[in-house]
Amino acid sequence: MVDHSFADLSLAALYESLNPWGEGDDFYLGLVKAAESVLDVGCGTGQLLRRAHKDGHPGRLMGVDPAAAMLVQARRNAPAVEWVLGDLRTRLWDGEFELVMMTGHAFQVILSDEELRLCLRAARSAMADGGRFVFETRNPSVRAWETWTPDRVREVTGADGTAVRVWHEVQGGPVGGRVTFTETYEGDGWARPRVSRATLRFLDPEALSGFLGEAGLKVVEQYGDWERGPVTPASPEIITVAERSL
């Protein structure tokens, strides 16, 4: 789950413990290694680009994220990668990247139709000729938010040895495909828990194709899981590979 409370430096330091390397990272790493230039939008602490750089990626790697605390972690661990504070609308892009990607369900934080249209047009502008835009979003038919309940508590240990517990609780939705929830972090020795509120948008394949088409993009591949299975009503993910259509 994308976590929106990591503007806090201490929580940003916990991000990779709460979001360990998984199948999705393996999927994207293969794409990164096959591209000479990569833009990772919503890069978080940058562990994906960091791994690619460590593995000897010879080309250009750039990560963009709106949370300064996340980029503190990214720069500390991989100073050779380009790290930019902001989002797809931060710069005027001009066909610079073979691969533009949004991992970790970052695509779902784009809530309004207009914001989505602007971001998709910016992604298209950033793509080189023959480039691809790849992202994933949770399949709304699976209703993943129904599992975001306070009884499902995760616990991790920070670098300073502090045990931190985290849980989620849905506050509203789905309304217009949007689900609002809180994330609560409780640490040993903390004076009080830290609570943030976030909203995610769930779009089905047809809606995704419609927005992509408006931006001059077309779906060329779409998968329902990280093993590249088909999208079905029971598929947990909608993993989309898009190219320019115009």
C-alpha atoms as a PDB file:
ATOM      1  CA  MET A   1       0.000   0.000   0.000  1.00  0.00           C
ATOM      2  CA  VAL A   2       1.239   3.459  -0.823  1.00  0.00           C
ATOM      3  CA  ASP A   3       1.734   5.303   2.443  1.00  0.00           C
ATOM      4  CA  HIS A   4       1.126   9.045   2.516  1.00  0.00           C
ATOM      5  CA  SER A   5       2.531   9.834   5.950  1.00  0.00           C
ATOM      6  CA  PHE A   6       6.190   9.514   5.029  1.00  0.00           C
ATOM      7  CA  ALA A   7       6.839  13.253   4.953  1.00  0.00           C
ATOM      8  CA  ASP A   8       8.074  12.524   8.495  1.00  0.00           C
ATOM      9  CA  LEU A   9      11.804  11.690   8.485  1.00  0.00           C
ATOM     10  CA  SER A  10      11.488   9.028  11.161  1.00  0.00           C
ATOM     11  CA  LEU A  11       8.675   7.292   9.299  1.00  0.00           C
ATOM     12  CA  ALA A  12      10.489   7.593   5.974  1.00  0.00           C
ATOM     13  CA  ALA A  13      13.330   5.638   7.554  1.00  0.00           C
ATOM     14  CA  LEU A  14      10.842   2.817   8.183  1.00  0.00           C
ATOM     15  CA  TYR A  15       9.419   2.762   4.662  1.00  0.00           C
ATOM     16  CA  GLU A  16      11.494  -0.079   3.270  1.00  0.00           C
ATOM     17  CA  SER A  17      10.902  -2.214   6.354  1.00  0.00           C
ATOM     18  CA  LEU A  18       7.169  -1.778   5.863  1.00  0.00           C
ATOM     19  CA  ASN A  19       7.456  -2.244   2.089  1.00  0.00           C
ATOM     20  CA  PRO A  20      10.122  -4.927   1.516  1.00  0.00           C
ATOM     21  CA  TRP A  21      11.284  -5.980  -1.936  1.00  0.00           C
ATOM     22  CA  GLY A  22       8.680  -8.132  -3.669  1.00  0.00           C
ATOM     23  CA  GLU A  23       7.397  -9.546  -6.948  1.00  0.00           C
ATOM     24  CA  GLY A  24       6.407  -6.137  -8.243  1.00  0.00           C
ATOM     25  CA  ASP A  25       9.930  -4.843  -7.730  1.00  0.00           C
ATOM     26  CA  ASP A  26      11.330  -7.795  -9.678  1.00  0.00           C
ATOM     27  CA  PHE A  27       8.871  -7.042 -12.493  1.00  0.00           C
ATOM     28  CA  TYR A  28       9.880  -3.396 -12.726  1.00  0.00           C
ATOM     29  CA  LEU A  29      13.590  -4.076 -12.282  1.00  0.00           C
ATOM     30  CA  GLY A  30      13.540  -6.172 -15.448  1.00  0.00           C
ATOM     31  CA  LEU A  31      12.000  -3.251 -17.339  1.00  0.00           C
ATOM     32  CA  VAL A  32      14.513  -0.789 -15.884  1.00  0.00           C
ATOM     33  CA  LYS A  33      17.483  -2.926 -16.902  1.00  0.00           C
ATOM     34  CA  ALA A  34      16.163  -3.099 -20.469  1.00  0.00           C
ATOM     35  CA  ALA A  35      15.841   0.709 -20.798  1.00  0.00           C
ATOM     36  CA  GLU A  36      18.675   3.184 -21.292  1.00  0.00           C
ATOM     37  CA  SER A  37      16.817   6.010 -19.564  1.00  0.00           C
ATOM     38  CA  VAL A  38      14.245   5.685 -16.781  1.00  0.00           C
ATOM     39  CA  LEU A  39      11.942   8.086 -14.941  1.00  0.00           C
ATOM     40  CA  ASP A  40      10.470   6.644 -11.735  1.00  0.00           C
ATOM     41  CA  VAL A  41       7.500   8.808 -10.685  1.00  0.00           C
ATOM     42  CA  GLY A  42       6.654   8.489  -6.990  1.00  0.00           C
ATOM     43  CA  CYS A  43       9.987   6.792  -6.383  1.00  0.00           C
ATOM     44  CA  GLY A  44       9.767   6.875  -2.574  1.00  0.00           C
ATOM     45  CA  THR A  45      13.088   5.978  -0.973  1.00  0.00           C
ATOM     46  CA  GLY A  46      14.387   4.950  -4.381  1.00  0.00           C
ATOM     47  CA  GLN A  47      15.120   1.313  -3.648  1.00  0.00           C
ATOM     48  CA  LEU A  48      14.239   0.226  -7.201  1.00  0.00           C
ATOM     49  CA  LEU A  49      16.579   2.672  -8.940  1.00  0.00           C
ATOM     50  CA  ARG A  50      19.168   2.076  -6.245  1.00  0.00           C
ATOM     51  CA  ARG A  51      19.138  -1.645  -7.028  1.00  0.00           C
ATOM     52  CA  ALA A  52      19.395  -0.972 -10.768  1.00  0.00           C
ATOM     53  CA  HIS A  53      22.361   1.340 -10.226  1.00  0.00           C
ATOM     54  CA  LYS A  54      24.039  -1.160  -7.920  1.00  0.00           C
ATOM     55  CA  ASP A  55      23.551  -3.853 -10.546  1.00  0.00           C
ATOM     56  CA  GLY A  56      25.435  -1.703 -13.049  1.00  0.00           C
ATOM     57  CA  HIS A  57      22.745   0.101 -15.034  1.00  0.00           C
ATOM     58  CA  PRO A  58      24.792   2.177 -17.495  1.00  0.00           C
ATOM     59  CA  GLY A  59      22.219   4.791 -18.447  1.00  0.00           C
ATOM     60  CA  ARG A  60      20.214   7.620 -16.926  1.00  0.00           C
ATOM     61  CA  LEU A  61      18.121   6.987 -13.818  1.00  0.00           C
ATOM     62  CA  MET A  62      15.854   9.687 -12.366  1.00  0.00           C
ATOM     63  CA  GLY A  63      13.461   9.428  -9.435  1.00  0.00           C
ATOM     64  CA  VAL A  64      10.737  11.987  -8.675  1.00  0.00           C
ATOM     65  CA  ASP A  65       8.779  12.138  -5.425  1.00  0.00           C
ATOM     66  CA  PRO A  66       6.729  14.858  -3.660  1.00  0.00           C
ATOM     67  CA  ALA A  67       7.949  13.869  -0.159  1.00  0.00           C
ATOM     68  CA  ALA A  68      11.255  15.496   0.758  1.00  0.00           C
ATOM     69  CA  ALA A  69      11.812  13.034   3.611  1.00  0.00           C
ATOM     70  CA  MET A  70      11.661  10.121   1.189  1.00  0.00           C
ATOM     71  CA  LEU A  71      14.259  11.756  -1.045  1.00  0.00           C
ATOM     72  CA  VAL A  72      16.552  12.278   1.949  1.00  0.00           C
ATOM     73  CA  GLN A  73      16.671   8.491   2.205  1.00  0.00           C
ATOM     74  CA  ALA A  74      17.083   8.100  -1.547  1.00  0.00           C
ATOM     75  CA  ARG A  75      19.985  10.553  -1.827  1.00  0.00           C
ATOM     76  CA  ARG A  76      21.712   9.091   1.201  1.00  0.00           C
ATOM     77  CA  ASN A  77      21.685   5.590  -0.262  1.00  0.00           C
ATOM     78  CA  ALA A  78      22.241   6.316  -3.970  1.00  0.00           C
ATOM     79  CA  PRO A  79      23.772   9.763  -4.586  1.00  0.00           C
ATOM     80  CA  ALA A  80      24.668   8.903  -8.193  1.00  0.00           C
ATOM     81  CA  VAL A  81      20.992   8.688  -9.207  1.00  0.00           C
ATOM     82  CA  GLU A  82      19.125  11.904 -10.118  1.00  0.00           C
ATOM     83  CA  TRP A  83      16.528  12.700  -7.441  1.00  0.00           C
ATOM     84  CA  VAL A  84      13.918  15.419  -8.015  1.00  0.00           C
ATOM     85  CA  LEU A  85      11.395  16.795  -5.538  1.00  0.00           C
ATOM     86  CA  GLY A  86       7.957  17.034  -7.130  1.00  0.00           C
ATOM     87  CA  ASP A  87       5.742  15.097  -9.534  1.00  0.00           C
ATOM     88  CA  LEU A  88       5.148  14.696 -13.255  1.00  0.00           C
ATOM     89  CA  ARG A  89       4.067  18.336 -13.504  1.00  0.00           C
ATOM     90  CA  THR A  90       7.239  19.693 -11.893  1.00  0.00           C
ATOM     91  CA  ARG A  91       9.126  19.979 -15.186  1.00  0.00           C
ATOM     92  CA  LEU A  92       8.467  20.397 -18.887  1.00  0.00           C
ATOM     93  CA  TRP A  93       9.511  17.012 -20.257  1.00  0.00           C
ATOM     94  CA  ASP A  94      10.715  16.515 -23.829  1.00  0.00           C
ATOM     95  CA  GLY A  95      11.032  12.875 -24.843  1.00  0.00           C
ATOM     96  CA  GLU A  96      13.857  12.104 -22.435  1.00  0.00           C
ATOM     97  CA  PHE A  97      13.039   8.598 -21.193  1.00  0.00           C
ATOM     98  CA  GLU A  98      12.611   5.158 -22.726  1.00  0.00           C
ATOM     99  CA  LEU A  99      10.700   4.078 -19.636  1.00  0.00           C
ATOM    100  CA  VAL A 100       8.382   6.144 -17.456  1.00  0.00           C
ATOM    101  CA  MET A 101       6.946   4.187 -14.540  1.00  0.00           C
ATOM    102  CA  MET A 102       4.819   4.581 -11.442  1.00  0.00           C
ATOM    103  CA  THR A 103       5.270   1.757  -8.933  1.00  0.00           C
ATOM    104  CA  GLY A 104       3.816   0.950  -5.513  1.00  0.00           C
ATOM    105  CA  HIS A 105       0.285   1.918  -6.591  1.00  0.00           C
ATOM    106  CA  ALA A 106       1.402   5.548  -6.798  1.00  0.00           C
ATOM    107  CA  PHE A 107      -0.966   5.972  -9.754  1.00  0.00           C
ATOM    108  CA  GLN A 108      -3.905   5.684  -7.352  1.00  0.00           C
ATOM    109  CA  VAL A 109      -3.093   8.905  -5.495  1.00  0.00           C
ATOM    110  CA  ILE A 110      -4.110  10.896  -8.601  1.00  0.00           C
ATOM    111  CA  LEU A 111      -7.687  11.663  -7.608  1.00  0.00           C
ATOM    112  CA  SER A 112      -9.375  14.107  -9.972  1.00  0.00           C
ATOM    113  CA  ASP A 113     -10.057  13.650 -13.681  1.00  0.00           C
ATOM    114  CA  GLU A 114      -8.241  16.871 -14.545  1.00  0.00           C
ATOM    115  CA  GLU A 115      -5.175  16.003 -12.469  1.00  0.00           C
ATOM    116  CA  LEU A 116      -5.084  12.584 -14.097  1.00  0.00           C
ATOM    117  CA  ARG A 117      -5.289  14.073 -17.586  1.00  0.00           C
ATOM    118  CA  LEU A 118      -2.442  16.489 -16.802  1.00  0.00           C
ATOM    119  CA  CYS A 119      -0.240  13.723 -15.394  1.00  0.00           C
ATOM    120  CA  LEU A 120      -0.857  11.393 -18.317  1.00  0.00           C
ATOM    121  CA  ARG A 121      -0.045  14.126 -20.821  1.00  0.00           C
ATOM    122  CA  ALA A 122       3.140  14.850 -18.877  1.00  0.00           C
ATOM    123  CA  ALA A 123       4.054  11.160 -18.906  1.00  0.00           C
ATOM    124  CA  ARG A 124       3.572  11.097 -22.672  1.00  0.00           C
ATOM    125  CA  SER A 125       5.774  14.174 -23.041  1.00  0.00           C
ATOM    126  CA  ALA A 126       8.515  12.517 -21.009  1.00  0.00           C
ATOM    127  CA  MET A 127       8.539   9.400 -23.212  1.00  0.00           C
ATOM    128  CA  ALA A 128      11.092   9.075 -25.995  1.00  0.00           C
ATOM    129  CA  ASP A 129      10.034   7.706 -29.395  1.00  0.00           C
ATOM    130  CA  GLY A 130       9.137   4.077 -28.836  1.00  0.00           C
ATOM    131  CA  GLY A 131       9.084   4.603 -25.076  1.00  0.00           C
ATOM    132  CA  ARG A 132       6.684   3.008 -22.618  1.00  0.00           C
ATOM    133  CA  PHE A 133       4.675   4.145 -19.617  1.00  0.00           C
ATOM    134  CA  VAL A 134       4.148   1.347 -17.080  1.00  0.00           C
ATOM    135  CA  PHE A 135       2.118   1.485 -13.872  1.00  0.00           C
ATOM    136  CA  GLU A 136      -0.182  -0.623 -11.743  1.00  0.00           C
ATOM    137  CA  THR A 137      -3.403  -0.008  -9.890  1.00  0.00           C
ATOM    138  CA  ARG A 138      -5.440  -2.331  -7.692  1.00  0.00           C
ATOM    139  CA  ASN A 139      -8.337  -4.037  -9.418  1.00  0.00           C
ATOM    140  CA  PRO A 140     -11.519  -2.429  -7.996  1.00  0.00           C
ATOM    141  CA  SER A 141     -13.538  -5.626  -8.445  1.00  0.00           C
ATOM    142  CA  VAL A 142     -11.400  -7.323  -5.742  1.00  0.00           C
ATOM    143  CA  ARG A 143     -12.363  -4.629  -3.177  1.00  0.00           C
ATOM    144  CA  ALA A 144      -8.994  -4.670  -1.406  1.00  0.00           C
ATOM    145  CA  TRP A 145     -10.087  -1.874   0.934  1.00  0.00           C
ATOM    146  CA  GLU A 146     -12.322  -4.329   2.766  1.00  0.00           C
ATOM    147  CA  THR A 147      -9.165  -5.853   4.275  1.00  0.00           C
ATOM    148  CA  TRP A 148      -7.876  -2.495   5.575  1.00  0.00           C
ATOM    149  CA  THR A 149      -9.098  -2.993   9.121  1.00  0.00           C
ATOM    150  CA  PRO A 150      -7.587  -2.065  12.519  1.00  0.00           C
ATOM    151  CA  ASP A 151      -7.285  -5.700  13.559  1.00  0.00           C
ATOM    152  CA  ARG A 152      -4.633  -6.265  10.869  1.00  0.00           C
ATOM    153  CA  VAL A 153      -1.595  -4.808  12.607  1.00  0.00           C
ATOM    154  CA  ARG A 154       1.909  -4.955  11.154  1.00  0.00           C
ATOM    155  CA  GLU A 155       5.013  -4.466  13.261  1.00  0.00           C
ATOM    156  CA  VAL A 156       8.509  -3.512  12.170  1.00  0.00           C
ATOM    157  CA  THR A 157      11.658  -2.508  14.003  1.00  0.00           C
ATOM    158  CA  GLY A 158      13.370   0.745  13.125  1.00  0.00           C
ATOM    159  CA  ALA A 159      17.109   1.286  12.797  1.00  0.00           C
ATOM    160  CA  ASP A 160      17.156   2.584  16.374  1.00  0.00           C
ATOM    161  CA  GLY A 161      15.510  -0.603  17.647  1.00  0.00           C
ATOM    162  CA  THR A 162      12.089   0.974  18.176  1.00  0.00           C
ATOM    163  CA  ALA A 163       9.169  -1.353  17.509  1.00  0.00           C
ATOM    164  CA  VAL A 164       6.518   0.384  15.391  1.00  0.00           C
ATOM    165  CA  ARG A 165       3.028  -0.939  14.745  1.00  0.00           C
ATOM    166  CA  VAL A 166       0.894   0.221  11.809  1.00  0.00           C
ATOM    167  CA  TRP A 167      -2.733  -0.348  10.861  1.00  0.00           C
ATOM    168  CA  HIS A 168      -5.326   1.060   8.495  1.00  0.00           C
ATOM    169  CA  GLU A 169      -8.989   1.900   8.836  1.00  0.00           C
ATOM    170  CA  VAL A 170     -11.367   2.880   6.045  1.00  0.00           C
ATOM    171  CA  GLN A 171     -13.181   6.153   6.743  1.00  0.00           C
ATOM    172  CA  GLY A 172     -15.353   6.407   3.671  1.00  0.00           C
ATOM    173  CA  GLY A 173     -16.092   5.003   0.257  1.00  0.00           C
ATOM    174  CA  PRO A 174     -15.970   3.799  -2.258  1.00  0.00           C
ATOM    175  CA  VAL A 175     -17.506   7.000  -3.584  1.00  0.00           C
ATOM    176  CA  GLY A 176     -16.839   7.649  -7.248  1.00  0.00           C
ATOM    177  CA  GLY A 177     -14.164   4.975  -7.102  1.00  0.00           C
ATOM    178  CA  ARG A 178     -12.372   6.748  -4.247  1.00  0.00           C
ATOM    179  CA  VAL A 179     -11.674   5.237  -0.835  1.00  0.00           C
ATOM    180  CA  THR A 180     -10.510   7.318   2.146  1.00  0.00           C
ATOM    181  CA  PHE A 181      -8.678   5.715   5.048  1.00  0.00           C
ATOM    182  CA  THR A 182      -6.408   6.481   7.966  1.00  0.00           C
ATOM    183  CA  GLU A 183      -2.966   5.045   8.681  1.00  0.00           C
ATOM    184  CA  THR A 184      -1.913   4.880  12.320  1.00  0.00           C
ATOM    185  CA  TYR A 185       1.684   4.429  13.514  1.00  0.00           C
ATOM    186  CA  GLU A 186       2.367   3.602  17.143  1.00  0.00           C
ATOM    187  CA  GLY A 187       5.934   3.293  18.392  1.00  0.00           C
ATOM    188  CA  ASP A 188       7.372   2.117  21.703  1.00  0.00           C
ATOM    189  CA  GLY A 189       8.277   5.179  23.712  1.00  0.00           C
ATOM    190  CA  TRP A 190       6.326   7.588  21.485  1.00  0.00           C
ATOM    191  CA  ALA A 191       4.203  10.139  23.316  1.00  0.00           C
ATOM    192  CA  ARG A 192       1.270   9.453  20.991  1.00  0.00           C
ATOM    193  CA  PRO A 193       0.471   7.585  17.760  1.00  0.00           C
ATOM    194  CA  ARG A 194       0.892   9.365  14.436  1.00  0.00           C
ATOM    195  CA  VAL A 195      -2.160   9.309  12.215  1.00  0.00           C
ATOM    196  CA  SER A 196      -2.502  10.350   8.590  1.00  0.00           C
ATOM    197  CA  ARG A 197      -5.480  10.406   6.259  1.00  0.00           C
ATOM    198  CA  ALA A 198      -5.312   9.455   2.592  1.00  0.00           C
ATOM    199  CA  THR A 199      -7.549   8.759  -0.400  1.00  0.00           C
ATOM    200  CA  LEU A 200      -6.922   6.345  -3.260  1.00  0.00           C
ATOM    201  CA  ARG A 201      -8.747   6.109  -6.569  1.00  0.00           C
ATOM    202  CA  PHE A 202      -9.721   2.769  -8.110  1.00  0.00           C
ATOM    203  CA  LEU A 203     -10.210   2.645 -11.899  1.00  0.00           C
ATOM    204  CA  ASP A 204     -11.240  -0.365 -13.969  1.00  0.00           C
ATOM    205  CA  PRO A 205      -9.492  -1.310 -17.251  1.00  0.00           C
ATOM    206  CA  GLU A 206     -12.076   0.457 -19.409  1.00  0.00           C
ATOM    207  CA  ALA A 207     -11.720   3.740 -17.523  1.00  0.00           C
ATOM    208  CA  LEU A 208      -7.935   3.496 -17.627  1.00  0.00           C
ATOM    209  CA  SER A 209      -7.980   2.967 -21.391  1.00  0.00           C
ATOM    210  CA  GLY A 210     -10.261   5.954 -21.805  1.00  0.00           C
ATOM    211  CA  PHE A 211      -8.016   8.340 -19.893  1.00  0.00           C
ATOM    212  CA  LEU A 212      -4.906   7.012 -21.638  1.00  0.00           C
ATOM    213  CA  GLY A 213      -6.544   7.478 -25.034  1.00  0.00           C
ATOM    214  CA  GLU A 214      -7.389  11.106 -24.250  1.00  0.00           C
ATOM    215  CA  ALA A 215      -3.688  11.698 -23.507  1.00  0.00           C
ATOM    216  CA  GLY A 216      -2.494  10.138 -26.766  1.00  0.00           C
ATOM    217  CA  LEU A 217      -1.512   6.823 -25.200  1.00  0.00           C
ATOM    218  CA  LYS A 218      -2.679   3.279 -25.911  1.00  0.00           C
ATOM    219  CA  VAL A 219      -2.569   0.068 -23.888  1.00  0.00           C
ATOM    220  CA  VAL A 220      -0.239  -2.464 -25.521  1.00  0.00           C
ATOM    221  CA  GLU A 221      -0.066  -4.972 -22.657  1.00  0.00           C
ATOM    222  CA  GLN A 222      -2.091  -5.452 -19.488  1.00  0.00           C
ATOM    223  CA  TYR A 223      -1.651  -8.025 -16.741  1.00  0.00           C
ATOM    224  CA  GLY A 224      -3.594  -9.086 -13.681  1.00  0.00           C
ATOM    225  CA  ASP A 225      -0.608 -10.181 -11.600  1.00  0.00           C
ATOM    226  CA  TRP A 226       3.190 -10.002 -11.501  1.00  0.00           C
ATOM    227  CA  GLU A 227       3.479 -13.324 -13.362  1.00  0.00           C
ATOM    228  CA  ARG A 228       1.858 -11.604 -16.369  1.00  0.00           C
ATOM    229  CA  GLY A 229      -1.437 -13.443 -16.061  1.00  0.00           C
ATOM    230  CA  PRO A 230      -4.558 -11.985 -17.722  1.00  0.00           C
ATOM    231  CA  VAL A 231      -6.768  -9.388 -16.072  1.00  0.00           C
ATOM    232  CA  THR A 232      -9.865 -11.079 -14.651  1.00  0.00           C
ATOM    233  CA  PRO A 233     -12.445  -9.990 -12.046  1.00  0.00           C
ATOM    234  CA  ALA A 234     -10.350 -11.837  -9.437  1.00  0.00           C
ATOM    235  CA  SER A 235      -6.974 -10.404 -10.485  1.00  0.00           C
ATOM    236  CA  PRO A 236      -5.405  -8.347  -7.679  1.00  0.00           C
ATOM    237  CA  GLU A 237      -3.690  -5.902 -10.028  1.00  0.00           C
ATOM    238  CA  ILE A 238      -4.204  -4.065 -13.290  1.00  0.00           C
ATOM    239  CA  ILE A 239      -0.632  -3.697 -14.579  1.00  0.00           C
ATOM    240  CA  THR A 240      -0.626  -1.505 -17.665  1.00  0.00           C
ATOM    241  CA  VAL A 241       2.009  -1.004 -20.354  1.00  0.00           C
ATOM    242  CA  ALA A 242       1.199   1.955 -22.615  1.00  0.00           C
ATOM    243  CA  GLU A 243       2.816   3.532 -25.675  1.00  0.00           C
ATOM    244  CA  ARG A 244       2.142   6.651 -27.698  1.00  0.00           C
ATOM    245  CA  SER A 245      -0.826   6.311 -30.026  1.00  0.00           C
ATOM    246  CA  LEU A 246      -0.224   9.505 -32.000  1.00  0.00           C
END
